[in-house]
């Protein structure tokens, strides 16, 4: 049996800092301690044919926002070299942070990435003039469409988006050997997808036999990953390089997809984000990930005890609690930072 292609898919990468980690975070570790944020998974990165991340920040020297928000989740364009040096081939920009600092910042980032030889996944629904990425490696062509589905999207807009998405998948099915669909979707702080996400994933994989992977992000937590028919459902790969406080948000995984003559298989390598915000392989979290995988498998195969309504209620309760806990920790960190960066952070006190 021939091993044709190994692809690594990873979750959210923020090379800047969150507001609660003002002037610190990943950015601080890189600038002050010369930390390589992806050093802990370098062996896995170097052993793959394609490495893909979701870039959860803007790499640009400009912003259209006032201080201090102009500094948040933004890093200099030169940080593109960090991605290049770590063998990143593709960056997903089809997310809710792409335009955080304005169109000029987005364009500077995209230009810098492309000049470094890094391809980009862009949401054609937001940028109609963009072409869908078709990436070729070892003679295999893979289409990488990407979409951001807002949590509060109106039903009529959702229907239009689904029509566009399915039309694009149909076109790519004629042009590519395989498709990896990037979806920025779902509710934050959940550990599994909502029933509507599962139903959509099952429908898409059933309708398009070249759809190899649904590659999801946004919840900031790792979801279970399962094989469904000929495709892989990875609804959220969680954080990957991120300055997050919550332990469950630091448990993550590196999804290895192997495309062979005989079909597609996957392995989810358990990782944990250390105090330097670096993901490291950690078998300690294998039982936790196995539990998530098992829960999702049971629900998808209808062998579990929960109805769709009960499943969704459980996840929404989880999301609400996650937001509450996160809010408390964020406020505490913000107050600590206020002592050191009072002049920068003072404007937010008036809001």
C-alpha atoms as a PDB file:
ATOM      1  CA  UNK A   1       0.000   0.000   0.000  1.00  0.00           C
ATOM      2  CA  UNK A   2       1.391   3.390  -1.044  1.00  0.00           C
ATOM      3  CA  UNK A   3       1.555   6.331   1.361  1.00  0.00           C
ATOM      4  CA  UNK A   4       0.741   9.236  -0.925  1.00  0.00           C
ATOM      5  CA  UNK A   5       0.243  12.305   1.197  1.00  0.00           C
ATOM      6  CA  UNK A   6       0.473  13.322   4.871  1.00  0.00           C
ATOM      7  CA  UNK A   7      -1.397  16.471   5.907  1.00  0.00           C
ATOM      8  CA  UNK A   8      -1.287  18.152   9.327  1.00  0.00           C
ATOM      9  CA  UNK A   9      -4.312  20.245  10.265  1.00  0.00           C
ATOM     10  CA  UNK A  10      -4.064  22.503  13.318  1.00  0.00           C
ATOM     11  CA  UNK A  11      -6.334  24.889  15.189  1.00  0.00           C
ATOM     12  CA  UNK A  12      -6.118  28.557  16.175  1.00  0.00           C
ATOM     13  CA  UNK A  13      -2.746  30.299  16.041  1.00  0.00           C
ATOM     14  CA  UNK A  14      -2.465  33.775  17.602  1.00  0.00           C
ATOM     15  CA  UNK A  15       1.012  35.290  17.323  1.00  0.00           C
ATOM     16  CA  UNK A  16      -0.143  38.496  19.012  1.00  0.00           C
ATOM     17  CA  UNK A  17      -1.809  38.812  22.412  1.00  0.00           C
ATOM     18  CA  UNK A  18      -5.277  38.968  23.902  1.00  0.00           C
ATOM     19  CA  UNK A  19      -6.431  42.136  25.691  1.00  0.00           C
ATOM     20  CA  UNK A  20      -6.047  40.446  29.080  1.00  0.00           C
ATOM     21  CA  UNK A  21      -2.398  39.689  28.221  1.00  0.00           C
ATOM     22  CA  UNK A  22      -1.676  43.181  26.935  1.00  0.00           C
ATOM     23  CA  UNK A  23       1.878  43.476  25.537  1.00  0.00           C
ATOM     24  CA  UNK A  24       2.531  39.907  26.715  1.00  0.00           C
ATOM     25  CA  UNK A  25       0.973  36.692  25.420  1.00  0.00           C
ATOM     26  CA  UNK A  26       2.536  34.851  22.497  1.00  0.00           C
ATOM     27  CA  UNK A  27       3.901  38.125  21.129  1.00  0.00           C
ATOM     28  CA  UNK A  28       5.773  38.741  24.386  1.00  0.00           C
ATOM     29  CA  UNK A  29       7.271  35.239  24.438  1.00  0.00           C
ATOM     30  CA  UNK A  30       8.519  35.672  20.863  1.00  0.00           C
ATOM     31  CA  UNK A  31       9.893  39.191  21.334  1.00  0.00           C
ATOM     32  CA  UNK A  32      11.343  38.916  24.840  1.00  0.00           C
ATOM     33  CA  UNK A  33      12.366  35.257  25.098  1.00  0.00           C
ATOM     34  CA  UNK A  34      12.849  34.352  21.419  1.00  0.00           C
ATOM     35  CA  UNK A  35      10.415  31.457  21.860  1.00  0.00           C
ATOM     36  CA  UNK A  36       9.571  29.457  18.740  1.00  0.00           C
ATOM     37  CA  UNK A  37       5.816  28.911  19.204  1.00  0.00           C
ATOM     38  CA  UNK A  38       5.790  25.684  17.172  1.00  0.00           C
ATOM     39  CA  UNK A  39       9.018  24.112  18.444  1.00  0.00           C
ATOM     40  CA  UNK A  40       7.131  21.421  20.380  1.00  0.00           C
ATOM     41  CA  UNK A  41       5.675  19.893  17.215  1.00  0.00           C
ATOM     42  CA  UNK A  42       8.604  20.476  14.850  1.00  0.00           C
ATOM     43  CA  UNK A  43       9.135  16.760  14.173  1.00  0.00           C
ATOM     44  CA  UNK A  44       5.518  16.349  13.115  1.00  0.00           C
ATOM     45  CA  UNK A  45       5.638  19.494  10.965  1.00  0.00           C
ATOM     46  CA  UNK A  46       8.824  18.472   9.203  1.00  0.00           C
ATOM     47  CA  UNK A  47       7.433  15.006   8.505  1.00  0.00           C
ATOM     48  CA  UNK A  48       4.340  16.232   6.653  1.00  0.00           C
ATOM     49  CA  UNK A  49       3.746  17.171   3.032  1.00  0.00           C
ATOM     50  CA  UNK A  50       1.207  19.883   3.881  1.00  0.00           C
ATOM     51  CA  UNK A  51       0.839  21.847   7.137  1.00  0.00           C
ATOM     52  CA  UNK A  52      -2.276  23.968   7.654  1.00  0.00           C
ATOM     53  CA  UNK A  53      -3.159  26.375  10.490  1.00  0.00           C
ATOM     54  CA  UNK A  54      -6.028  28.741  11.256  1.00  0.00           C
ATOM     55  CA  UNK A  55      -4.445  32.169  11.752  1.00  0.00           C
ATOM     56  CA  UNK A  56      -6.427  33.790  14.569  1.00  0.00           C
ATOM     57  CA  UNK A  57      -4.702  37.177  14.361  1.00  0.00           C
ATOM     58  CA  UNK A  58      -3.650  39.797  11.823  1.00  0.00           C
ATOM     59  CA  UNK A  59      -0.005  40.097  10.780  1.00  0.00           C
ATOM     60  CA  UNK A  60       0.380  43.753   9.876  1.00  0.00           C
ATOM     61  CA  UNK A  61       2.001  46.986  10.987  1.00  0.00           C
ATOM     62  CA  UNK A  62      -1.243  48.920  10.669  1.00  0.00           C
ATOM     63  CA  UNK A  63      -4.695  49.011  12.251  1.00  0.00           C
ATOM     64  CA  UNK A  64      -7.836  51.105  11.856  1.00  0.00           C
ATOM     65  CA  UNK A  65      -8.730  50.695  15.543  1.00  0.00           C
ATOM     66  CA  UNK A  66      -7.850  53.048  18.432  1.00  0.00           C
ATOM     67  CA  UNK A  67      -5.507  52.094  21.272  1.00  0.00           C
ATOM     68  CA  UNK A  68      -5.456  49.684  23.010  1.00  0.00           C
ATOM     69  CA  UNK A  69      -7.573  47.578  20.628  1.00  0.00           C
ATOM     70  CA  UNK A  70      -5.231  48.401  17.741  1.00  0.00           C
ATOM     71  CA  UNK A  71      -2.626  46.215  19.465  1.00  0.00           C
ATOM     72  CA  UNK A  72      -4.853  43.248  20.319  1.00  0.00           C
ATOM     73  CA  UNK A  73      -4.590  40.049  18.262  1.00  0.00           C
ATOM     74  CA  UNK A  74      -2.162  41.720  15.881  1.00  0.00           C
ATOM     75  CA  UNK A  75       1.528  41.055  15.283  1.00  0.00           C
ATOM     76  CA  UNK A  76       4.012  42.541  12.795  1.00  0.00           C
ATOM     77  CA  UNK A  77       4.023  41.267   9.227  1.00  0.00           C
ATOM     78  CA  UNK A  78       7.596  40.056   9.763  1.00  0.00           C
ATOM     79  CA  UNK A  79       6.175  37.251  11.937  1.00  0.00           C
ATOM     80  CA  UNK A  80       5.209  35.570   8.668  1.00  0.00           C
ATOM     81  CA  UNK A  81       8.792  34.295   8.705  1.00  0.00           C
ATOM     82  CA  UNK A  82       8.018  32.325  11.885  1.00  0.00           C
ATOM     83  CA  UNK A  83       5.352  30.426   9.969  1.00  0.00           C
ATOM     84  CA  UNK A  84       7.647  29.878   6.999  1.00  0.00           C
ATOM     85  CA  UNK A  85      10.497  28.624   9.192  1.00  0.00           C
ATOM     86  CA  UNK A  86       8.092  26.145  10.809  1.00  0.00           C
ATOM     87  CA  UNK A  87       7.118  24.671   7.459  1.00  0.00           C
ATOM     88  CA  UNK A  88       3.582  26.105   7.309  1.00  0.00           C
ATOM     89  CA  UNK A  89       2.253  25.756   3.774  1.00  0.00           C
ATOM     90  CA  UNK A  90      -1.329  27.008   4.094  1.00  0.00           C
ATOM     91  CA  UNK A  91      -3.009  29.547   6.381  1.00  0.00           C
ATOM     92  CA  UNK A  92      -6.770  29.755   6.859  1.00  0.00           C
ATOM     93  CA  UNK A  93      -8.014  33.357   6.788  1.00  0.00           C
ATOM     94  CA  UNK A  94     -11.704  32.453   6.516  1.00  0.00           C
ATOM     95  CA  UNK A  95     -12.483  33.440  10.098  1.00  0.00           C
ATOM     96  CA  UNK A  96     -13.946  36.210  12.255  1.00  0.00           C
ATOM     97  CA  UNK A  97     -10.611  37.928  12.993  1.00  0.00           C
ATOM     98  CA  UNK A  98      -9.348  38.452   9.440  1.00  0.00           C
ATOM     99  CA  UNK A  99     -10.761  41.981   9.237  1.00  0.00           C
ATOM    100  CA  UNK A 100     -10.218  42.988  12.891  1.00  0.00           C
ATOM    101  CA  UNK A 101      -7.780  45.725  11.897  1.00  0.00           C
ATOM    102  CA  UNK A 102      -9.257  46.788   8.573  1.00  0.00           C
ATOM    103  CA  UNK A 103      -8.845  46.030   4.881  1.00  0.00           C
ATOM    104  CA  UNK A 104      -5.375  47.577   4.551  1.00  0.00           C
ATOM    105  CA  UNK A 105      -4.043  45.377   7.361  1.00  0.00           C
ATOM    106  CA  UNK A 106      -5.650  42.295   5.817  1.00  0.00           C
ATOM    107  CA  UNK A 107      -4.120  43.042   2.413  1.00  0.00           C
ATOM    108  CA  UNK A 108      -0.672  43.629   3.922  1.00  0.00           C
ATOM    109  CA  UNK A 109      -0.889  40.292   5.741  1.00  0.00           C
ATOM    110  CA  UNK A 110      -2.064  38.376   2.681  1.00  0.00           C
ATOM    111  CA  UNK A 111       0.681  39.900   0.520  1.00  0.00           C
ATOM    112  CA  UNK A 112       3.345  39.056   3.118  1.00  0.00           C
ATOM    113  CA  UNK A 113       2.125  35.460   3.366  1.00  0.00           C
ATOM    114  CA  UNK A 114       2.084  34.990  -0.399  1.00  0.00           C
ATOM    115  CA  UNK A 115       5.563  36.529  -0.791  1.00  0.00           C
ATOM    116  CA  UNK A 116       6.829  33.996   1.744  1.00  0.00           C
ATOM    117  CA  UNK A 117       5.343  31.184  -0.348  1.00  0.00           C
ATOM    118  CA  UNK A 118       2.483  30.515   2.080  1.00  0.00           C
ATOM    119  CA  UNK A 119      -0.915  29.960   0.463  1.00  0.00           C
ATOM    120  CA  UNK A 120      -4.138  31.336   1.938  1.00  0.00           C
ATOM    121  CA  UNK A 121      -7.710  30.105   2.344  1.00  0.00           C
ATOM    122  CA  UNK A 122     -10.067  33.074   1.944  1.00  0.00           C
ATOM    123  CA  UNK A 123     -13.841  33.228   2.413  1.00  0.00           C
ATOM    124  CA  UNK A 124     -15.270  33.817  -1.079  1.00  0.00           C
ATOM    125  CA  UNK A 125     -18.565  34.811   0.490  1.00  0.00           C
ATOM    126  CA  UNK A 126     -16.797  37.798   2.094  1.00  0.00           C
ATOM    127  CA  UNK A 127     -14.310  38.326  -0.754  1.00  0.00           C
ATOM    128  CA  UNK A 128     -16.124  37.314  -3.990  1.00  0.00           C
ATOM    129  CA  UNK A 129     -13.160  38.197  -6.197  1.00  0.00           C
ATOM    130  CA  UNK A 130     -10.829  35.680  -4.542  1.00  0.00           C
ATOM    131  CA  UNK A 131     -10.018  32.339  -6.132  1.00  0.00           C
ATOM    132  CA  UNK A 132     -10.379  29.118  -4.179  1.00  0.00           C
ATOM    133  CA  UNK A 133      -7.022  27.602  -3.307  1.00  0.00           C
ATOM    134  CA  UNK A 134      -6.138  24.386  -5.141  1.00  0.00           C
ATOM    135  CA  UNK A 135      -2.910  23.018  -3.684  1.00  0.00           C
ATOM    136  CA  UNK A 136      -0.838  20.338  -5.405  1.00  0.00           C
ATOM    137  CA  UNK A 137       1.636  18.030  -3.684  1.00  0.00           C
ATOM    138  CA  UNK A 138       3.124  14.760  -4.943  1.00  0.00           C
ATOM    139  CA  UNK A 139       0.828  14.854  -7.945  1.00  0.00           C
ATOM    140  CA  UNK A 140      -2.327  15.111  -5.810  1.00  0.00           C
ATOM    141  CA  UNK A 141      -4.574  18.173  -6.084  1.00  0.00           C
ATOM    142  CA  UNK A 142      -6.565  19.332  -3.058  1.00  0.00           C
ATOM    143  CA  UNK A 143      -9.174  22.083  -3.019  1.00  0.00           C
ATOM    144  CA  UNK A 144      -9.314  24.277   0.101  1.00  0.00           C
ATOM    145  CA  UNK A 145     -12.568  26.269   0.199  1.00  0.00           C
ATOM    146  CA  UNK A 146     -13.261  28.171   3.413  1.00  0.00           C
ATOM    147  CA  UNK A 147     -16.269  29.848   5.011  1.00  0.00           C
ATOM    148  CA  UNK A 148     -17.085  31.700   8.205  1.00  0.00           C
ATOM    149  CA  UNK A 149     -20.593  30.869   9.458  1.00  0.00           C
ATOM    150  CA  UNK A 150     -21.613  33.426  12.084  1.00  0.00           C
ATOM    151  CA  UNK A 151     -23.435  32.153  15.161  1.00  0.00           C
ATOM    152  CA  UNK A 152     -26.227  34.688  14.602  1.00  0.00           C
ATOM    153  CA  UNK A 153     -26.560  34.346  10.826  1.00  0.00           C
ATOM    154  CA  UNK A 154     -30.213  34.898   9.742  1.00  0.00           C
ATOM    155  CA  UNK A 155     -31.905  31.810   8.201  1.00  0.00           C
ATOM    156  CA  UNK A 156     -32.269  33.406   4.759  1.00  0.00           C
ATOM    157  CA  UNK A 157     -28.557  34.324   4.664  1.00  0.00           C
ATOM    158  CA  UNK A 158     -27.641  30.829   5.839  1.00  0.00           C
ATOM    159  CA  UNK A 159     -29.631  29.304   2.963  1.00  0.00           C
ATOM    160  CA  UNK A 160     -27.861  31.541   0.437  1.00  0.00           C
ATOM    161  CA  UNK A 161     -24.486  30.626   1.943  1.00  0.00           C
ATOM    162  CA  UNK A 162     -25.269  26.901   1.758  1.00  0.00           C
ATOM    163  CA  UNK A 163     -26.205  27.241  -1.913  1.00  0.00           C
ATOM    164  CA  UNK A 164     -22.907  29.008  -2.670  1.00  0.00           C
ATOM    165  CA  UNK A 165     -20.932  26.448  -0.679  1.00  0.00           C
ATOM    166  CA  UNK A 166     -22.492  23.461  -2.411  1.00  0.00           C
ATOM    167  CA  UNK A 167     -22.017  25.043  -5.842  1.00  0.00           C
ATOM    168  CA  UNK A 168     -18.340  25.555  -5.052  1.00  0.00           C
ATOM    169  CA  UNK A 169     -17.929  21.995  -3.771  1.00  0.00           C
ATOM    170  CA  UNK A 170     -19.515  20.712  -6.986  1.00  0.00           C
ATOM    171  CA  UNK A 171     -17.068  22.727  -9.116  1.00  0.00           C
ATOM    172  CA  UNK A 172     -14.072  21.636  -7.053  1.00  0.00           C
ATOM    173  CA  UNK A 173     -15.173  18.008  -7.326  1.00  0.00           C
ATOM    174  CA  UNK A 174     -14.553  18.296 -11.071  1.00  0.00           C
ATOM    175  CA  UNK A 175     -11.127  19.912 -10.661  1.00  0.00           C
ATOM    176  CA  UNK A 176      -9.543  18.231  -7.625  1.00  0.00           C
ATOM    177  CA  UNK A 177      -8.639  14.789  -6.350  1.00  0.00           C
ATOM    178  CA  UNK A 178      -9.757  15.716  -2.819  1.00  0.00           C
ATOM    179  CA  UNK A 179     -11.349  18.609  -0.919  1.00  0.00           C
ATOM    180  CA  UNK A 180     -10.650  19.891   2.593  1.00  0.00           C
ATOM    181  CA  UNK A 181     -13.429  22.277   3.633  1.00  0.00           C
ATOM    182  CA  UNK A 182     -12.510  24.868   6.263  1.00  0.00           C
ATOM    183  CA  UNK A 183     -15.467  26.009   8.387  1.00  0.00           C
ATOM    184  CA  UNK A 184     -15.158  28.663  11.084  1.00  0.00           C
ATOM    185  CA  UNK A 185     -18.351  27.952  12.978  1.00  0.00           C
ATOM    186  CA  UNK A 186     -20.124  26.807  16.123  1.00  0.00           C
ATOM    187  CA  UNK A 187     -20.286  28.020  19.707  1.00  0.00           C
ATOM    188  CA  UNK A 188     -17.290  28.950  21.835  1.00  0.00           C
ATOM    189  CA  UNK A 189     -16.245  26.766  24.788  1.00  0.00           C
ATOM    190  CA  UNK A 190     -18.082  23.643  23.593  1.00  0.00           C
ATOM    191  CA  UNK A 191     -16.388  20.237  23.420  1.00  0.00           C
ATOM    192  CA  UNK A 192     -18.515  18.831  20.603  1.00  0.00           C
ATOM    193  CA  UNK A 193     -20.469  20.242  17.641  1.00  0.00           C
ATOM    194  CA  UNK A 194     -24.133  21.216  17.751  1.00  0.00           C
ATOM    195  CA  UNK A 195     -26.609  18.895  16.032  1.00  0.00           C
ATOM    196  CA  UNK A 196     -27.040  21.263  13.061  1.00  0.00           C
ATOM    197  CA  UNK A 197     -23.279  21.161  12.463  1.00  0.00           C
ATOM    198  CA  UNK A 198     -23.267  17.366  12.578  1.00  0.00           C
ATOM    199  CA  UNK A 199     -26.211  17.150  10.195  1.00  0.00           C
ATOM    200  CA  UNK A 200     -24.578  19.584   7.770  1.00  0.00           C
ATOM    201  CA  UNK A 201     -21.279  17.691   7.893  1.00  0.00           C
ATOM    202  CA  UNK A 202     -23.005  14.364   7.237  1.00  0.00           C
ATOM    203  CA  UNK A 203     -24.999  15.856   4.361  1.00  0.00           C
ATOM    204  CA  UNK A 204     -21.926  17.380   2.700  1.00  0.00           C
ATOM    205  CA  UNK A 205     -19.829  14.223   2.990  1.00  0.00           C
ATOM    206  CA  UNK A 206     -22.714  12.124   1.660  1.00  0.00           C
ATOM    207  CA  UNK A 207     -23.247  14.518  -1.268  1.00  0.00           C
ATOM    208  CA  UNK A 208     -19.614  15.054  -2.298  1.00  0.00           C
ATOM    209  CA  UNK A 209     -17.450  11.942  -2.328  1.00  0.00           C
ATOM    210  CA  UNK A 210     -14.271  13.997  -2.849  1.00  0.00           C
ATOM    211  CA  UNK A 211     -14.829  15.857   0.423  1.00  0.00           C
ATOM    212  CA  UNK A 212     -12.073  14.328   2.547  1.00  0.00           C
ATOM    213  CA  UNK A 213     -12.141  16.511   5.668  1.00  0.00           C
ATOM    214  CA  UNK A 214     -14.346  19.081   7.329  1.00  0.00           C
ATOM    215  CA  UNK A 215     -11.723  21.192   9.091  1.00  0.00           C
ATOM    216  CA  UNK A 216     -13.378  23.325  11.769  1.00  0.00           C
ATOM    217  CA  UNK A 217     -12.336  26.114  14.111  1.00  0.00           C
ATOM    218  CA  UNK A 218     -13.815  28.831  16.376  1.00  0.00           C
ATOM    219  CA  UNK A 219     -14.937  27.218  19.698  1.00  0.00           C
ATOM    220  CA  UNK A 220     -11.379  27.496  21.186  1.00  0.00           C
ATOM    221  CA  UNK A 221     -11.820  23.938  22.459  1.00  0.00           C
ATOM    222  CA  UNK A 222     -11.016  20.626  20.868  1.00  0.00           C
ATOM    223  CA  UNK A 223     -13.992  18.598  19.642  1.00  0.00           C
ATOM    224  CA  UNK A 224     -14.172  14.906  18.974  1.00  0.00           C
ATOM    225  CA  UNK A 225     -12.961  13.773  15.538  1.00  0.00           C
ATOM    226  CA  UNK A 226     -14.694  10.926  13.709  1.00  0.00           C
ATOM    227  CA  UNK A 227     -14.704   9.182  10.349  1.00  0.00           C
ATOM    228  CA  UNK A 228     -18.074   9.318   8.590  1.00  0.00           C
ATOM    229  CA  UNK A 229     -18.395   7.258   5.403  1.00  0.00           C
ATOM    230  CA  UNK A 230     -15.398   8.385   3.287  1.00  0.00           C
ATOM    231  CA  UNK A 231     -14.781  11.686   5.091  1.00  0.00           C
ATOM    232  CA  UNK A 232     -13.457  12.983   8.397  1.00  0.00           C
ATOM    233  CA  UNK A 233     -15.449  15.338  10.616  1.00  0.00           C
ATOM    234  CA  UNK A 234     -13.175  17.581  12.705  1.00  0.00           C
ATOM    235  CA  UNK A 235     -15.609  20.309  13.739  1.00  0.00           C
ATOM    236  CA  UNK A 236     -13.115  22.146  15.974  1.00  0.00           C
ATOM    237  CA  UNK A 237      -9.402  21.631  16.462  1.00  0.00           C
ATOM    238  CA  UNK A 238      -9.403  24.162  19.303  1.00  0.00           C
ATOM    239  CA  UNK A 239      -6.530  26.477  20.137  1.00  0.00           C
ATOM    240  CA  UNK A 240      -3.034  25.558  18.989  1.00  0.00           C
ATOM    241  CA  UNK A 241      -0.775  28.536  19.715  1.00  0.00           C
ATOM    242  CA  UNK A 242      -2.799  30.743  22.035  1.00  0.00           C
ATOM    243  CA  UNK A 243      -2.471  32.795  25.237  1.00  0.00           C
ATOM    244  CA  UNK A 244      -5.482  31.256  26.953  1.00  0.00           C
ATOM    245  CA  UNK A 245      -5.981  30.714  30.694  1.00  0.00           C
ATOM    246  CA  UNK A 246      -8.540  27.913  30.800  1.00  0.00           C
ATOM    247  CA  UNK A 247      -7.150  24.381  30.987  1.00  0.00           C
ATOM    248  CA  UNK A 248      -9.766  22.895  28.644  1.00  0.00           C
ATOM    249  CA  UNK A 249      -8.821  25.554  26.099  1.00  0.00           C
ATOM    250  CA  UNK A 250      -5.188  24.420  26.312  1.00  0.00           C
ATOM    251  CA  UNK A 251      -5.946  20.766  25.572  1.00  0.00           C
ATOM    252  CA  UNK A 252      -5.602  20.442  21.837  1.00  0.00           C
ATOM    253  CA  UNK A 253      -4.593  18.086  19.076  1.00  0.00           C
ATOM    254  CA  UNK A 254      -2.713  17.854  15.815  1.00  0.00           C
ATOM    255  CA  UNK A 255      -4.844  16.118  13.198  1.00  0.00           C
ATOM    256  CA  UNK A 256      -2.777  14.003  10.817  1.00  0.00           C
ATOM    257  CA  UNK A 257      -4.602  12.996   7.651  1.00  0.00           C
ATOM    258  CA  UNK A 258      -3.111  10.303   5.444  1.00  0.00           C
ATOM    259  CA  UNK A 259      -4.309  10.080   1.849  1.00  0.00           C
ATOM    260  CA  UNK A 260      -3.488   6.710   0.343  1.00  0.00           C
ATOM    261  CA  UNK A 261      -4.488   4.683  -2.700  1.00  0.00           C
ATOM    262  CA  UNK A 262      -6.763   2.672  -0.428  1.00  0.00           C
ATOM    263  CA  UNK A 263      -8.529   5.701   1.057  1.00  0.00           C
ATOM    264  CA  UNK A 264      -8.243   8.316   3.780  1.00  0.00           C
ATOM    265  CA  UNK A 265      -7.307   7.741   7.416  1.00  0.00           C
ATOM    266  CA  UNK A 266      -6.523  10.008  10.346  1.00  0.00           C
ATOM    267  CA  UNK A 267      -4.767  10.214  13.699  1.00  0.00           C
ATOM    268  CA  UNK A 268      -5.414  12.902  16.306  1.00  0.00           C
ATOM    269  CA  UNK A 269      -2.208  13.474  18.271  1.00  0.00           C
ATOM    270  CA  UNK A 270      -2.984  14.801  21.792  1.00  0.00           C
ATOM    271  CA  UNK A 271      -1.253  18.065  22.685  1.00  0.00           C
ATOM    272  CA  UNK A 272      -1.200  20.549  25.542  1.00  0.00           C
ATOM    273  CA  UNK A 273      -0.324  24.250  25.320  1.00  0.00           C
ATOM    274  CA  UNK A 274       2.465  24.932  27.834  1.00  0.00           C
ATOM    275  CA  UNK A 275       3.239  28.092  29.841  1.00  0.00           C
ATOM    276  CA  UNK A 276       5.092  29.532  26.849  1.00  0.00           C
ATOM    277  CA  UNK A 277       1.918  29.028  24.764  1.00  0.00           C
ATOM    278  CA  UNK A 278       3.555  26.253  22.743  1.00  0.00           C
ATOM    279  CA  UNK A 279       1.674  23.064  21.844  1.00  0.00           C
ATOM    280  CA  UNK A 280       3.512  19.900  22.870  1.00  0.00           C
ATOM    281  CA  UNK A 281       2.621  16.260  22.252  1.00  0.00           C
ATOM    282  CA  UNK A 282       1.125  14.905  25.499  1.00  0.00           C
ATOM    283  CA  UNK A 283      -0.197  11.351  25.759  1.00  0.00           C
ATOM    284  CA  UNK A 284      -1.610  12.316  29.159  1.00  0.00           C
ATOM    285  CA  UNK A 285      -4.690  13.678  27.408  1.00  0.00           C
ATOM    286  CA  UNK A 286      -5.360  10.632  25.225  1.00  0.00           C
ATOM    287  CA  UNK A 287      -8.181   9.342  27.511  1.00  0.00           C
ATOM    288  CA  UNK A 288      -9.878  12.761  27.431  1.00  0.00           C
ATOM    289  CA  UNK A 289      -9.716  12.906  23.637  1.00  0.00           C
ATOM    290  CA  UNK A 290     -10.891   9.295  23.321  1.00  0.00           C
ATOM    291  CA  UNK A 291     -13.917  10.250  25.430  1.00  0.00           C
ATOM    292  CA  UNK A 292     -14.763  13.171  23.119  1.00  0.00           C
ATOM    293  CA  UNK A 293     -14.365  10.956  20.060  1.00  0.00           C
ATOM    294  CA  UNK A 294     -16.597   8.303  21.620  1.00  0.00           C
ATOM    295  CA  UNK A 295     -19.340  10.782  22.524  1.00  0.00           C
ATOM    296  CA  UNK A 296     -19.444  12.173  18.999  1.00  0.00           C
ATOM    297  CA  UNK A 297     -19.359   8.722  17.406  1.00  0.00           C
ATOM    298  CA  UNK A 298     -22.296   7.580  19.544  1.00  0.00           C
ATOM    299  CA  UNK A 299     -24.347  10.631  18.644  1.00  0.00           C
ATOM    300  CA  UNK A 300     -23.590  10.402  14.914  1.00  0.00           C
ATOM    301  CA  UNK A 301     -24.463   6.707  14.799  1.00  0.00           C
ATOM    302  CA  UNK A 302     -27.590   7.276  16.937  1.00  0.00           C
ATOM    303  CA  UNK A 303     -26.306   4.774  19.486  1.00  0.00           C
ATOM    304  CA  UNK A 304     -26.200   7.319  22.321  1.00  0.00           C
ATOM    305  CA  UNK A 305     -28.959   8.175  24.776  1.00  0.00           C
ATOM    306  CA  UNK A 306     -29.291  11.903  23.973  1.00  0.00           C
ATOM    307  CA  UNK A 307     -31.791  13.357  21.520  1.00  0.00           C
ATOM    308  CA  UNK A 308     -30.723  16.280  19.314  1.00  0.00           C
ATOM    309  CA  UNK A 309     -32.514  18.692  21.638  1.00  0.00           C
ATOM    310  CA  UNK A 310     -30.873  17.274  24.770  1.00  0.00           C
ATOM    311  CA  UNK A 311     -27.457  17.188  23.067  1.00  0.00           C
ATOM    312  CA  UNK A 312     -27.747  20.859  22.042  1.00  0.00           C
ATOM    313  CA  UNK A 313     -29.009  21.987  25.452  1.00  0.00           C
ATOM    314  CA  UNK A 314     -26.049  20.304  27.122  1.00  0.00           C
ATOM    315  CA  UNK A 315     -23.592  22.039  24.778  1.00  0.00           C
ATOM    316  CA  UNK A 316     -25.239  25.463  25.146  1.00  0.00           C
ATOM    317  CA  UNK A 317     -25.043  25.120  28.929  1.00  0.00           C
ATOM    318  CA  UNK A 318     -21.361  24.247  28.533  1.00  0.00           C
ATOM    319  CA  UNK A 319     -20.802  27.294  26.309  1.00  0.00           C
ATOM    320  CA  UNK A 320     -22.569  29.639  28.741  1.00  0.00           C
ATOM    321  CA  UNK A 321     -20.536  28.361  31.698  1.00  0.00           C
ATOM    322  CA  UNK A 322     -17.317  28.657  29.694  1.00  0.00           C
ATOM    323  CA  UNK A 323     -18.075  32.289  28.898  1.00  0.00           C
ATOM    324  CA  UNK A 324     -18.821  33.041  32.561  1.00  0.00           C
ATOM    325  CA  UNK A 325     -15.592  31.487  33.835  1.00  0.00           C
ATOM    326  CA  UNK A 326     -13.578  33.090  31.061  1.00  0.00           C
ATOM    327  CA  UNK A 327     -15.094  36.508  31.817  1.00  0.00           C
ATOM    328  CA  UNK A 328     -13.980  36.324  35.452  1.00  0.00           C
ATOM    329  CA  UNK A 329     -10.421  35.328  34.530  1.00  0.00           C
ATOM    330  CA  UNK A 330     -10.205  37.953  31.793  1.00  0.00           C
ATOM    331  CA  UNK A 331     -11.319  40.733  34.151  1.00  0.00           C
ATOM    332  CA  UNK A 332      -8.792  39.683  36.789  1.00  0.00           C
ATOM    333  CA  UNK A 333      -5.969  39.663  34.239  1.00  0.00           C
ATOM    334  CA  UNK A 334      -7.125  42.994  32.806  1.00  0.00           C
ATOM    335  CA  UNK A 335      -6.970  44.621  36.255  1.00  0.00           C
ATOM    336  CA  UNK A 336      -3.448  43.273  36.796  1.00  0.00           C
ATOM    337  CA  UNK A 337      -2.337  44.686  33.450  1.00  0.00           C
ATOM    338  CA  UNK A 338      -3.976  48.007  34.226  1.00  0.00           C
ATOM    339  CA  UNK A 339      -1.258  48.646  36.811  1.00  0.00           C
ATOM    340  CA  UNK A 340       1.482  48.364  34.182  1.00  0.00           C
ATOM    341  CA  UNK A 341      -0.258  49.833  31.111  1.00  0.00           C
ATOM    342  CA  UNK A 342      -2.646  52.361  32.644  1.00  0.00           C
ATOM    343  CA  UNK A 343      -2.309  55.015  29.907  1.00  0.00           C
ATOM    344  CA  UNK A 344      -3.017  52.488  27.124  1.00  0.00           C
ATOM    345  CA  UNK A 345      -5.871  50.675  28.849  1.00  0.00           C
ATOM    346  CA  UNK A 346      -7.526  53.701  30.487  1.00  0.00           C
ATOM    347  CA  UNK A 347      -9.834  54.417  27.469  1.00  0.00           C
ATOM    348  CA  UNK A 348     -11.573  51.054  27.964  1.00  0.00           C
ATOM    349  CA  UNK A 349     -12.545  52.001  31.524  1.00  0.00           C
ATOM    350  CA  UNK A 350     -15.021  54.518  30.101  1.00  0.00           C
ATOM    351  CA  UNK A 351     -16.920  51.839  28.149  1.00  0.00           C
END
